[in-house]
């Protein structure tokens, strides 16, 4: 069966909630008239079942059924862990 769920990758901005992380997705696109590249960012509330994500991690998220008022995405996998200081 083909999986038609949307996938996005972004940076974990906050992990203070239980089983939820806030992921910031930044996309750039050319302005329709001026052709200059414009950056646009959006925050997504994402379900993290095992609380494995840390701030600064790069994660791959996938669309899911509504899990709460704001959560409609799940962490699929952690692409890159944040650097430990």
N, C-alpha and C. Protein backbone atom coordinates (compact mmCIF):
# COMPACT_ATOMS: atom_id res chain seq x y z
N UNK A 1 0.83 -1.18 0.00
CA UNK A 1 0.00 0.00 0.00
C UNK A 1 0.88 1.25 0.00
N UNK A 2 0.51 2.23 -0.79
CA UNK A 2 1.30 3.44 -0.91
C UNK A 2 0.96 4.41 0.22
N UNK A 3 1.99 4.97 0.85
CA UNK A 3 1.80 5.93 1.95
C UNK A 3 1.78 7.33 1.37
N UNK A 4 0.62 7.99 1.38
CA UNK A 4 0.48 9.32 0.80
C UNK A 4 0.50 10.43 1.83
N UNK A 5 1.11 10.19 2.99
CA UNK A 5 1.17 11.22 4.02
C UNK A 5 2.27 12.22 3.71
N UNK A 6 1.99 13.48 4.02
CA UNK A 6 3.00 14.52 3.81
C UNK A 6 4.12 14.36 4.81
N UNK A 7 5.34 14.69 4.40
CA UNK A 7 6.50 14.67 5.28
C UNK A 7 7.23 16.00 5.17
N UNK A 8 7.70 16.50 6.31
CA UNK A 8 8.47 17.73 6.37
C UNK A 8 9.65 17.51 7.30
N UNK A 9 10.71 18.29 7.12
CA UNK A 9 11.83 18.21 8.06
C UNK A 9 12.09 19.61 8.61
N UNK A 10 12.45 19.65 9.89
CA UNK A 10 12.68 20.93 10.52
C UNK A 10 13.42 20.79 11.84
N UNK A 11 13.57 21.91 12.52
CA UNK A 11 14.35 21.99 13.75
C UNK A 11 13.44 22.03 14.96
N UNK A 12 13.77 21.23 15.98
CA UNK A 12 12.99 21.22 17.21
C UNK A 12 13.30 22.51 17.97
N UNK A 13 12.25 23.28 18.26
CA UNK A 13 12.39 24.57 18.92
C UNK A 13 12.15 24.46 20.42
N UNK A 14 11.24 23.57 20.83
CA UNK A 14 10.89 23.44 22.24
C UNK A 14 10.48 22.00 22.52
N UNK A 15 10.88 21.49 23.70
CA UNK A 15 10.45 20.16 24.10
C UNK A 15 10.00 20.14 25.56
N UNK A 16 9.47 21.26 26.05
CA UNK A 16 9.08 21.35 27.45
C UNK A 16 7.79 20.61 27.77
N UNK A 17 6.94 20.38 26.77
CA UNK A 17 5.68 19.67 27.00
C UNK A 17 5.91 18.17 27.02
N UNK A 18 5.00 17.44 27.66
CA UNK A 18 5.11 15.99 27.71
C UNK A 18 4.59 15.39 26.40
N UNK A 19 5.42 14.59 25.74
CA UNK A 19 5.10 13.89 24.49
C UNK A 19 4.77 14.83 23.34
N UNK A 20 5.19 16.09 23.43
CA UNK A 20 4.96 17.06 22.36
C UNK A 20 6.21 17.91 22.17
N UNK A 21 6.56 18.14 20.92
CA UNK A 21 7.65 19.06 20.60
C UNK A 21 7.13 20.10 19.61
N UNK A 22 7.76 21.27 19.61
CA UNK A 22 7.43 22.31 18.64
C UNK A 22 8.54 22.30 17.60
N UNK A 23 8.16 22.10 16.34
CA UNK A 23 9.13 22.02 15.25
C UNK A 23 8.93 23.23 14.34
N UNK A 24 10.04 23.91 14.03
CA UNK A 24 10.02 25.07 13.16
C UNK A 24 10.45 24.64 11.76
N UNK A 25 9.56 24.84 10.79
CA UNK A 25 9.85 24.51 9.39
C UNK A 25 10.10 25.81 8.64
N UNK A 26 11.25 25.91 7.98
CA UNK A 26 11.58 27.10 7.20
C UNK A 26 11.61 26.70 5.73
N UNK A 27 10.86 27.44 4.92
CA UNK A 27 10.90 27.19 3.49
C UNK A 27 11.17 28.50 2.77
N UNK A 28 11.85 28.42 1.64
CA UNK A 28 12.12 29.62 0.86
C UNK A 28 11.59 29.42 -0.55
N UNK A 29 11.08 30.50 -1.10
CA UNK A 29 10.49 30.45 -2.43
C UNK A 29 10.69 31.80 -3.09
N UNK A 30 10.75 31.85 -4.42
CA UNK A 30 10.91 33.14 -5.09
C UNK A 30 9.62 33.95 -5.04
N UNK A 31 9.77 35.24 -4.78
CA UNK A 31 8.61 36.14 -4.77
C UNK A 31 8.03 36.18 -6.18
N UNK A 32 6.69 36.09 -6.30
CA UNK A 32 6.09 36.01 -7.64
C UNK A 32 6.41 37.19 -8.56
N UNK A 33 6.57 38.39 -8.01
CA UNK A 33 6.83 39.56 -8.85
C UNK A 33 8.32 39.91 -8.89
N UNK A 34 8.95 39.97 -7.70
CA UNK A 34 10.31 40.49 -7.63
C UNK A 34 11.38 39.43 -7.75
N UNK A 35 11.02 38.15 -7.72
CA UNK A 35 11.93 37.02 -7.92
C UNK A 35 13.01 36.88 -6.85
N UNK A 36 12.95 37.69 -5.80
CA UNK A 36 13.89 37.54 -4.69
C UNK A 36 13.39 36.39 -3.82
N UNK A 37 14.32 35.57 -3.30
CA UNK A 37 13.92 34.46 -2.45
C UNK A 37 13.48 34.97 -1.08
N UNK A 38 12.32 34.51 -0.65
CA UNK A 38 11.72 34.93 0.62
C UNK A 38 11.70 33.72 1.54
N UNK A 39 12.10 33.92 2.80
CA UNK A 39 12.03 32.84 3.78
C UNK A 39 10.73 32.95 4.55
N UNK A 40 10.09 31.82 4.76
CA UNK A 40 8.83 31.76 5.49
C UNK A 40 8.94 30.63 6.50
N UNK A 41 8.63 30.90 7.77
CA UNK A 41 8.74 29.85 8.78
C UNK A 41 7.39 29.61 9.43
N UNK A 42 7.17 28.38 9.85
CA UNK A 42 5.92 28.00 10.49
C UNK A 42 6.22 26.99 11.58
N UNK A 43 5.50 27.12 12.71
CA UNK A 43 5.68 26.19 13.83
C UNK A 43 4.60 25.12 13.78
N UNK A 44 5.01 23.88 14.03
CA UNK A 44 4.09 22.76 14.10
C UNK A 44 4.22 22.10 15.46
N UNK A 45 3.08 21.72 16.03
CA UNK A 45 3.07 20.92 17.26
C UNK A 45 3.08 19.47 16.84
N UNK A 46 4.08 18.73 17.32
CA UNK A 46 4.32 17.37 16.83
C UNK A 46 4.34 16.39 17.99
N UNK A 47 3.72 15.22 17.78
CA UNK A 47 3.67 14.17 18.81
C UNK A 47 5.00 13.43 18.85
N UNK A 48 5.59 13.34 20.04
CA UNK A 48 6.85 12.62 20.26
C UNK A 48 6.59 11.60 21.37
N UNK A 49 6.20 10.40 20.99
CA UNK A 49 5.71 9.39 21.94
C UNK A 49 6.68 9.09 23.07
N UNK A 50 7.98 8.97 22.78
CA UNK A 50 8.95 8.55 23.81
C UNK A 50 9.78 9.69 24.37
N UNK A 51 9.44 10.93 24.08
CA UNK A 51 10.18 12.11 24.54
C UNK A 51 11.67 12.02 24.20
N UNK A 52 12.00 11.59 22.99
CA UNK A 52 13.40 11.41 22.58
C UNK A 52 14.01 12.67 21.98
N UNK A 53 13.18 13.59 21.51
CA UNK A 53 13.69 14.79 20.82
C UNK A 53 14.20 15.82 21.82
N UNK A 54 15.31 16.45 21.45
CA UNK A 54 15.90 17.53 22.24
C UNK A 54 15.83 18.82 21.42
N UNK A 55 15.98 19.95 22.08
CA UNK A 55 16.02 21.23 21.37
C UNK A 55 17.23 21.24 20.44
N UNK A 56 17.03 21.65 19.21
CA UNK A 56 18.12 21.73 18.24
C UNK A 56 18.22 20.52 17.34
N UNK A 57 17.48 19.44 17.61
CA UNK A 57 17.49 18.27 16.74
C UNK A 57 16.81 18.58 15.42
N UNK A 58 17.28 17.93 14.36
CA UNK A 58 16.60 18.01 13.07
C UNK A 58 15.77 16.74 12.94
N UNK A 59 14.47 16.91 12.71
CA UNK A 59 13.58 15.75 12.68
C UNK A 59 12.77 15.70 11.40
N UNK A 60 12.35 14.49 11.04
CA UNK A 60 11.43 14.27 9.94
C UNK A 60 10.07 14.01 10.55
N UNK A 61 9.05 14.81 10.16
CA UNK A 61 7.72 14.65 10.72
C UNK A 61 6.76 14.23 9.61
N UNK A 62 5.72 13.49 10.00
CA UNK A 62 4.72 13.08 9.02
C UNK A 62 3.33 13.40 9.52
N UNK A 63 2.45 13.64 8.58
CA UNK A 63 1.07 13.97 8.85
C UNK A 63 0.37 12.80 9.55
N UNK A 64 -0.58 13.09 10.44
CA UNK A 64 -1.35 12.03 11.08
C UNK A 64 -2.75 12.55 11.37
N UNK A 65 -3.57 11.68 11.93
CA UNK A 65 -4.91 12.10 12.31
C UNK A 65 -4.79 13.11 13.45
N UNK A 66 -5.79 13.95 13.69
CA UNK A 66 -5.71 14.90 14.80
C UNK A 66 -5.55 14.19 16.15
N UNK A 67 -4.50 14.57 16.90
CA UNK A 67 -4.21 13.96 18.19
C UNK A 67 -4.67 14.84 19.34
N UNK A 68 -4.80 16.13 19.10
CA UNK A 68 -5.31 17.08 20.09
C UNK A 68 -5.77 18.32 19.33
N UNK A 69 -6.00 19.39 20.07
CA UNK A 69 -6.48 20.63 19.43
C UNK A 69 -5.49 21.13 18.38
N UNK A 70 -4.19 21.05 18.65
CA UNK A 70 -3.18 21.61 17.75
C UNK A 70 -2.30 20.57 17.07
N UNK A 71 -2.24 19.35 17.60
CA UNK A 71 -1.31 18.34 17.07
C UNK A 71 -1.92 17.55 15.93
N UNK A 72 -1.29 17.65 14.74
CA UNK A 72 -1.70 16.86 13.59
C UNK A 72 -0.50 16.20 12.91
N UNK A 73 0.64 16.18 13.58
CA UNK A 73 1.88 15.62 13.02
C UNK A 73 2.52 14.70 14.05
N UNK A 74 3.36 13.77 13.58
CA UNK A 74 4.11 12.83 14.41
C UNK A 74 5.57 12.85 14.01
N UNK A 75 6.47 12.61 14.97
CA UNK A 75 7.88 12.47 14.64
C UNK A 75 8.07 11.12 13.97
N UNK A 76 8.60 11.13 12.74
CA UNK A 76 8.87 9.88 12.04
C UNK A 76 10.25 9.36 12.43
N UNK A 77 11.26 10.25 12.34
CA UNK A 77 12.60 9.88 12.81
C UNK A 77 13.43 11.12 13.06
N UNK A 78 14.46 10.95 13.87
CA UNK A 78 15.40 12.03 14.16
C UNK A 78 16.52 11.94 13.14
N UNK A 79 16.65 12.98 12.32
CA UNK A 79 17.67 12.98 11.27
C UNK A 79 19.05 13.32 11.82
N UNK A 80 19.12 14.29 12.74
CA UNK A 80 20.41 14.74 13.27
C UNK A 80 20.21 15.22 14.68
N UNK A 81 21.01 14.70 15.60
CA UNK A 81 20.92 15.11 17.00
C UNK A 81 21.63 16.45 17.18
N UNK A 82 21.17 17.22 18.18
CA UNK A 82 21.77 18.51 18.49
C UNK A 82 23.17 18.31 19.08
N UNK A 83 24.03 19.27 18.84
CA UNK A 83 25.38 19.20 19.39
C UNK A 83 25.34 19.45 20.90
N UNK A 84 26.01 18.59 21.65
CA UNK A 84 26.06 18.76 23.11
C UNK A 84 27.13 19.79 23.46
N UNK A 85 26.78 20.70 24.35
CA UNK A 85 27.73 21.74 24.75
C UNK A 85 28.24 21.44 26.14
